[in-house]
Amino acid sequence: MITGVFLLNLLACTAMKATVHLAQIEEPYFDATEAGAADLAPYEYTLAEQYRLKAHEEWGHSDYGASEDLAKKASYWAEQSLKQSKYGAQDEGAEERFDLIEQIEDDESLLEDAEGEE
């Protein structure tokens, strides 16, 4: 009897956690939609959208653990799509390329100075 009550409480807790995570998806997803992420960050936005739909589907089938995991992924990708639509894609090599361009320009000016002295 006690085991049954414990199990029932555990299932209810799992269902509530999944429901909370489902509710928490909506704000970042709505913000991403409003920011135009479907066009500006289509990869991230599509992932958020599909994880969100699948989380709701799993919740409907009472698979609360899977629903919670999918909801967390949906929130993450919704936030990523919002960031990318606001600030653009991150270009990790941009600073190195900028430094190389400056170095090449400096080298070219040194060559021009050397040729002018001849």
N, C-alpha and C. Protein backbone atom coordinates (compact mmCIF):
# COMPACT_ATOMS: atom_id res chain seq x y z
N MET A 1 0.83 -1.20 0.00
CA MET A 1 0.00 0.00 0.00
C MET A 1 0.87 1.26 0.00
N ILE A 2 1.87 1.27 0.87
CA ILE A 2 2.75 2.44 0.95
C ILE A 2 3.53 2.59 -0.35
N THR A 3 3.94 1.49 -0.93
CA THR A 3 4.66 1.53 -2.20
C THR A 3 3.78 2.14 -3.29
N GLY A 4 2.50 1.79 -3.30
CA GLY A 4 1.57 2.34 -4.28
C GLY A 4 1.40 3.84 -4.13
N VAL A 5 1.32 4.32 -2.89
CA VAL A 5 1.19 5.77 -2.63
C VAL A 5 2.46 6.48 -3.06
N PHE A 6 3.62 5.91 -2.74
CA PHE A 6 4.89 6.50 -3.15
C PHE A 6 5.00 6.58 -4.66
N LEU A 7 4.62 5.51 -5.33
CA LEU A 7 4.67 5.48 -6.79
C LEU A 7 3.73 6.50 -7.40
N LEU A 8 2.55 6.64 -6.83
CA LEU A 8 1.58 7.63 -7.31
C LEU A 8 2.12 9.05 -7.15
N ASN A 9 2.75 9.33 -6.01
CA ASN A 9 3.35 10.65 -5.78
C ASN A 9 4.50 10.90 -6.75
N LEU A 10 5.29 9.89 -7.00
CA LEU A 10 6.40 10.02 -7.93
C LEU A 10 5.90 10.34 -9.34
N LEU A 11 4.87 9.63 -9.78
CA LEU A 11 4.31 9.89 -11.10
C LEU A 11 3.70 11.28 -11.18
N ALA A 12 3.03 11.71 -10.14
CA ALA A 12 2.42 13.04 -10.13
C ALA A 12 3.50 14.11 -10.19
N CYS A 13 4.59 13.90 -9.47
CA CYS A 13 5.69 14.85 -9.48
C CYS A 13 6.31 14.94 -10.87
N THR A 14 6.51 13.80 -11.49
CA THR A 14 7.07 13.76 -12.85
C THR A 14 6.16 14.47 -13.83
N ALA A 15 4.87 14.26 -13.70
CA ALA A 15 3.91 14.92 -14.59
C ALA A 15 3.93 16.43 -14.39
N MET A 16 4.04 16.86 -13.14
CA MET A 16 4.07 18.30 -12.88
C MET A 16 5.33 18.94 -13.43
N LYS A 17 6.48 18.26 -13.26
CA LYS A 17 7.73 18.80 -13.80
C LYS A 17 7.65 18.94 -15.31
N ALA A 18 7.11 17.93 -15.97
CA ALA A 18 6.98 17.99 -17.43
C ALA A 18 6.05 19.12 -17.83
N THR A 19 4.96 19.29 -17.08
CA THR A 19 4.01 20.35 -17.40
C THR A 19 4.64 21.73 -17.23
N VAL A 20 5.44 21.89 -16.19
CA VAL A 20 6.13 23.17 -15.97
C VAL A 20 7.08 23.46 -17.12
N HIS A 21 7.84 22.45 -17.53
CA HIS A 21 8.77 22.65 -18.65
C HIS A 21 8.03 22.95 -19.95
N LEU A 22 6.89 22.34 -20.16
CA LEU A 22 6.09 22.64 -21.35
C LEU A 22 5.63 24.10 -21.33
N ALA A 23 5.24 24.56 -20.17
CA ALA A 23 4.80 25.96 -20.06
C ALA A 23 5.97 26.91 -20.28
N GLN A 24 7.16 26.51 -19.84
CA GLN A 24 8.33 27.38 -19.98
C GLN A 24 8.84 27.47 -21.42
N ILE A 25 8.42 26.58 -22.28
CA ILE A 25 8.81 26.65 -23.69
C ILE A 25 8.18 27.86 -24.36
N GLU A 26 6.96 28.15 -23.99
CA GLU A 26 6.14 29.08 -24.76
C GLU A 26 6.73 30.48 -24.86
N GLU A 27 7.28 31.01 -23.80
CA GLU A 27 7.80 32.39 -23.86
C GLU A 27 8.99 32.53 -24.81
N PRO A 28 10.05 31.70 -24.66
CA PRO A 28 11.16 31.87 -25.62
C PRO A 28 10.75 31.53 -27.05
N TYR A 29 9.84 30.58 -27.21
CA TYR A 29 9.37 30.22 -28.55
C TYR A 29 8.60 31.39 -29.16
N PHE A 30 7.72 32.01 -28.38
CA PHE A 30 6.96 33.16 -28.87
C PHE A 30 7.90 34.32 -29.19
N ASP A 31 8.88 34.57 -28.31
CA ASP A 31 9.84 35.65 -28.56
C ASP A 31 10.64 35.41 -29.84
N ALA A 32 11.04 34.17 -30.06
CA ALA A 32 11.78 33.83 -31.28
C ALA A 32 10.91 34.03 -32.51
N THR A 33 9.66 33.64 -32.40
CA THR A 33 8.73 33.82 -33.52
C THR A 33 8.55 35.30 -33.83
N GLU A 34 8.38 36.09 -32.80
CA GLU A 34 8.21 37.54 -32.98
C GLU A 34 9.46 38.21 -33.54
N ALA A 35 10.63 37.67 -33.23
CA ALA A 35 11.89 38.24 -33.72
C ALA A 35 12.20 37.82 -35.15
N GLY A 36 11.35 37.00 -35.75
CA GLY A 36 11.57 36.58 -37.13
C GLY A 36 12.58 35.46 -37.26
N ALA A 37 12.71 34.65 -36.22
CA ALA A 37 13.71 33.57 -36.22
C ALA A 37 13.44 32.54 -37.30
N ALA A 38 12.20 32.39 -37.74
CA ALA A 38 11.90 31.43 -38.79
C ALA A 38 12.69 31.76 -40.07
N ASP A 39 12.92 33.04 -40.31
CA ASP A 39 13.68 33.46 -41.49
C ASP A 39 15.15 33.71 -41.17
N LEU A 40 15.44 34.24 -39.98
CA LEU A 40 16.80 34.64 -39.65
C LEU A 40 17.65 33.52 -39.05
N ALA A 41 16.99 32.55 -38.43
CA ALA A 41 17.70 31.41 -37.83
C ALA A 41 16.87 30.15 -38.06
N PRO A 42 16.71 29.77 -39.33
CA PRO A 42 15.79 28.68 -39.63
C PRO A 42 16.17 27.33 -39.01
N TYR A 43 17.45 27.02 -38.92
CA TYR A 43 17.87 25.74 -38.35
C TYR A 43 17.47 25.66 -36.88
N GLU A 44 17.86 26.67 -36.11
CA GLU A 44 17.59 26.68 -34.68
C GLU A 44 16.09 26.77 -34.40
N TYR A 45 15.40 27.59 -35.17
CA TYR A 45 13.97 27.76 -34.97
C TYR A 45 13.20 26.47 -35.28
N THR A 46 13.60 25.80 -36.34
CA THR A 46 12.93 24.54 -36.70
C THR A 46 13.16 23.49 -35.63
N LEU A 47 14.37 23.42 -35.10
CA LEU A 47 14.63 22.48 -34.00
C LEU A 47 13.74 22.80 -32.80
N ALA A 48 13.64 24.07 -32.44
CA ALA A 48 12.80 24.47 -31.31
C ALA A 48 11.35 24.09 -31.56
N GLU A 49 10.90 24.36 -32.75
CA GLU A 49 9.51 24.07 -33.11
C GLU A 49 9.22 22.56 -33.05
N GLN A 50 10.10 21.76 -33.62
CA GLN A 50 9.87 20.32 -33.66
C GLN A 50 10.00 19.68 -32.27
N TYR A 51 10.99 20.12 -31.49
CA TYR A 51 11.11 19.62 -30.12
C TYR A 51 9.88 20.01 -29.30
N ARG A 52 9.38 21.21 -29.51
CA ARG A 52 8.19 21.68 -28.79
C ARG A 52 6.98 20.80 -29.14
N LEU A 53 6.78 20.56 -30.42
CA LEU A 53 5.65 19.72 -30.84
C LEU A 53 5.78 18.30 -30.29
N LYS A 54 6.98 17.75 -30.35
CA LYS A 54 7.19 16.39 -29.86
C LYS A 54 7.03 16.32 -28.35
N ALA A 55 7.43 17.35 -27.63
CA ALA A 55 7.26 17.38 -26.17
C ALA A 55 5.78 17.36 -25.82
N HIS A 56 4.98 18.13 -26.54
CA HIS A 56 3.53 18.12 -26.30
C HIS A 56 2.94 16.75 -26.64
N GLU A 57 3.43 16.15 -27.70
CA GLU A 57 2.93 14.83 -28.09
C GLU A 57 3.24 13.79 -27.02
N GLU A 58 4.48 13.77 -26.53
CA GLU A 58 4.86 12.81 -25.51
C GLU A 58 4.09 13.05 -24.21
N TRP A 59 3.86 14.30 -23.88
CA TRP A 59 3.07 14.63 -22.69
C TRP A 59 1.66 14.08 -22.84
N GLY A 60 1.10 14.18 -24.04
CA GLY A 60 -0.23 13.66 -24.31
C GLY A 60 -0.31 12.15 -24.19
N HIS A 61 0.82 11.48 -24.42
CA HIS A 61 0.88 10.02 -24.29
C HIS A 61 1.33 9.60 -22.89
N SER A 62 1.38 10.55 -21.97
CA SER A 62 1.78 10.31 -20.57
C SER A 62 3.22 9.83 -20.43
N ASP A 63 4.06 10.16 -21.38
CA ASP A 63 5.49 9.86 -21.27
C ASP A 63 6.17 11.14 -20.77
N TYR A 64 6.04 11.38 -19.48
CA TYR A 64 6.43 12.66 -18.90
C TYR A 64 7.94 12.87 -18.88
N GLY A 65 8.70 11.82 -18.70
CA GLY A 65 10.16 11.95 -18.71
C GLY A 65 10.66 12.42 -20.07
N ALA A 66 10.18 11.77 -21.12
CA ALA A 66 10.58 12.18 -22.47
C ALA A 66 10.08 13.58 -22.77
N SER A 67 8.87 13.89 -22.33
CA SER A 67 8.30 15.22 -22.55
C SER A 67 9.16 16.30 -21.90
N GLU A 68 9.61 16.03 -20.68
CA GLU A 68 10.47 17.00 -19.98
C GLU A 68 11.79 17.21 -20.72
N ASP A 69 12.42 16.11 -21.15
CA ASP A 69 13.69 16.22 -21.89
C ASP A 69 13.52 17.00 -23.19
N LEU A 70 12.46 16.70 -23.92
CA LEU A 70 12.20 17.39 -25.18
C LEU A 70 11.88 18.86 -24.95
N ALA A 71 11.17 19.15 -23.86
CA ALA A 71 10.83 20.55 -23.55
C ALA A 71 12.09 21.35 -23.24
N LYS A 72 13.03 20.74 -22.53
CA LYS A 72 14.29 21.42 -22.24
C LYS A 72 15.05 21.72 -23.53
N LYS A 73 15.08 20.76 -24.44
CA LYS A 73 15.75 20.98 -25.73
C LYS A 73 15.04 22.06 -26.53
N ALA A 74 13.72 22.06 -26.50
CA ALA A 74 12.96 23.08 -27.23
C ALA A 74 13.27 24.46 -26.68
N SER A 75 13.34 24.60 -25.37
CA SER A 75 13.66 25.89 -24.76
C SER A 75 15.06 26.35 -25.17
N TYR A 76 16.01 25.42 -25.13
CA TYR A 76 17.38 25.76 -25.51
C TYR A 76 17.44 26.27 -26.94
N TRP A 77 16.83 25.55 -27.87
CA TRP A 77 16.90 25.94 -29.28
C TRP A 77 16.08 27.19 -29.56
N ALA A 78 15.00 27.39 -28.81
CA ALA A 78 14.24 28.64 -28.98
C ALA A 78 15.09 29.83 -28.56
N GLU A 79 15.83 29.68 -27.45
CA GLU A 79 16.71 30.76 -27.01
C GLU A 79 17.84 30.99 -28.01
N GLN A 80 18.39 29.91 -28.57
CA GLN A 80 19.45 30.05 -29.57
C GLN A 80 18.94 30.75 -30.82
N SER A 81 17.74 30.39 -31.26
CA SER A 81 17.19 31.03 -32.46
C SER A 81 16.89 32.50 -32.20
N LEU A 82 16.45 32.82 -30.99
CA LEU A 82 16.21 34.22 -30.63
C LEU A 82 17.51 35.01 -30.65
N LYS A 83 18.57 34.45 -30.05
CA LYS A 83 19.88 35.13 -30.03
C LYS A 83 20.40 35.34 -31.44
N GLN A 84 20.29 34.31 -32.27
CA GLN A 84 20.82 34.45 -33.63
C GLN A 84 20.00 35.45 -34.43
N SER A 85 18.70 35.48 -34.24
CA SER A 85 17.90 36.43 -35.00
C SER A 85 18.14 37.86 -34.52
N LYS A 86 18.49 38.04 -33.25
CA LYS A 86 18.78 39.38 -32.74
C LYS A 86 20.18 39.84 -33.08
N TYR A 87 21.16 38.95 -32.91
CA TYR A 87 22.56 39.35 -32.99
C TYR A 87 23.31 38.79 -34.18
N GLY A 88 22.68 37.92 -34.94
CA GLY A 88 23.34 37.32 -36.09
C GLY A 88 24.14 36.10 -35.70
N ALA A 89 24.58 35.38 -36.69
CA ALA A 89 25.34 34.16 -36.46
C ALA A 89 26.72 34.50 -35.92
N GLN A 90 27.23 33.64 -35.08
CA GLN A 90 28.57 33.83 -34.57
C GLN A 90 29.57 33.36 -35.61
N ASP A 91 30.55 34.18 -35.84
CA ASP A 91 31.61 33.83 -36.78
C ASP A 91 32.90 33.74 -35.99
N GLU A 92 33.26 32.51 -35.63
CA GLU A 92 34.38 32.30 -34.73
C GLU A 92 35.73 32.67 -35.35
N GLY A 93 35.87 32.62 -36.65
CA GLY A 93 37.14 32.92 -37.28
C GLY A 93 37.29 34.35 -37.74
N ALA A 94 36.31 35.19 -37.48
CA ALA A 94 36.32 36.56 -38.01
C ALA A 94 37.50 37.37 -37.48
N GLU A 95 37.80 37.25 -36.20
CA GLU A 95 38.88 38.05 -35.62
C GLU A 95 40.23 37.66 -36.21
N GLU A 96 40.45 36.36 -36.39
CA GLU A 96 41.70 35.91 -36.99
C GLU A 96 41.84 36.40 -38.42
N ARG A 97 40.76 36.34 -39.19
CA ARG A 97 40.81 36.83 -40.57
C ARG A 97 41.07 38.33 -40.61
N PHE A 98 40.46 39.06 -39.69
CA PHE A 98 40.66 40.51 -39.63
C PHE A 98 42.13 40.82 -39.35
N ASP A 99 42.73 40.08 -38.41
CA ASP A 99 44.15 40.27 -38.09
C ASP A 99 45.03 39.96 -39.30
N LEU A 100 44.70 38.90 -40.03
CA LEU A 100 45.48 38.55 -41.22
C LEU A 100 45.37 39.62 -42.29
N ILE A 101 44.17 40.16 -42.47
CA ILE A 101 43.98 41.22 -43.47
C ILE A 101 44.81 42.44 -43.09
N GLU A 102 44.82 42.80 -41.82
CA GLU A 102 45.63 43.94 -41.38
C GLU A 102 47.12 43.68 -41.62
N GLN A 103 47.55 42.46 -41.33
CA GLN A 103 48.95 42.10 -41.52
C GLN A 103 49.32 42.18 -43.01
N ILE A 104 48.45 41.69 -43.88
CA ILE A 104 48.71 41.75 -45.32
C ILE A 104 48.77 43.21 -45.79
N GLU A 105 47.85 44.03 -45.30
CA GLU A 105 47.86 45.45 -45.67
C GLU A 105 49.14 46.13 -45.20
N ASP A 106 49.61 45.79 -43.99
CA ASP A 106 50.86 46.36 -43.49
C ASP A 106 52.04 45.91 -44.35
N ASP A 107 52.05 44.62 -44.73
CA ASP A 107 53.12 44.09 -45.57
C ASP A 107 53.11 44.78 -46.94
N GLU A 108 51.92 45.02 -47.48
CA GLU A 108 51.83 45.69 -48.78
C GLU A 108 52.33 47.12 -48.69
N SER A 109 52.03 47.81 -47.60
CA SER A 109 52.50 49.20 -47.47
C SER A 109 54.02 49.22 -47.30
N LEU A 110 54.59 48.23 -46.62
CA LEU A 110 56.04 48.14 -46.50
C LEU A 110 56.69 47.90 -47.85
N LEU A 111 56.05 47.04 -48.68
CA LEU A 111 56.59 46.77 -50.02
C LEU A 111 56.52 48.03 -50.88
N GLU A 112 55.42 48.78 -50.78
CA GLU A 112 55.28 50.00 -51.55
C GLU A 112 56.33 51.03 -51.14
N ASP A 113 56.57 51.12 -49.82
CA ASP A 113 57.61 52.05 -49.32
C ASP A 113 58.99 51.63 -49.82
N ALA A 114 59.26 50.33 -49.81
CA ALA A 114 60.57 49.83 -50.28
C ALA A 114 60.75 50.07 -51.76
N GLU A 115 59.68 49.92 -52.55
CA GLU A 115 59.77 50.14 -53.98
C GLU A 115 59.93 51.63 -54.29
N GLY A 116 59.32 52.48 -53.47
CA GLY A 116 59.42 53.93 -53.67
C GLY A 116 60.81 54.45 -53.38
N GLU A 117 61.56 53.77 -52.50
CA GLU A 117 62.91 54.19 -52.14
C GLU A 117 63.93 53.82 -53.20
N GLU A 118 63.60 52.84 -54.03
CA GLU A 118 64.55 52.39 -55.05
C GLU A 118 64.66 53.31 -56.18
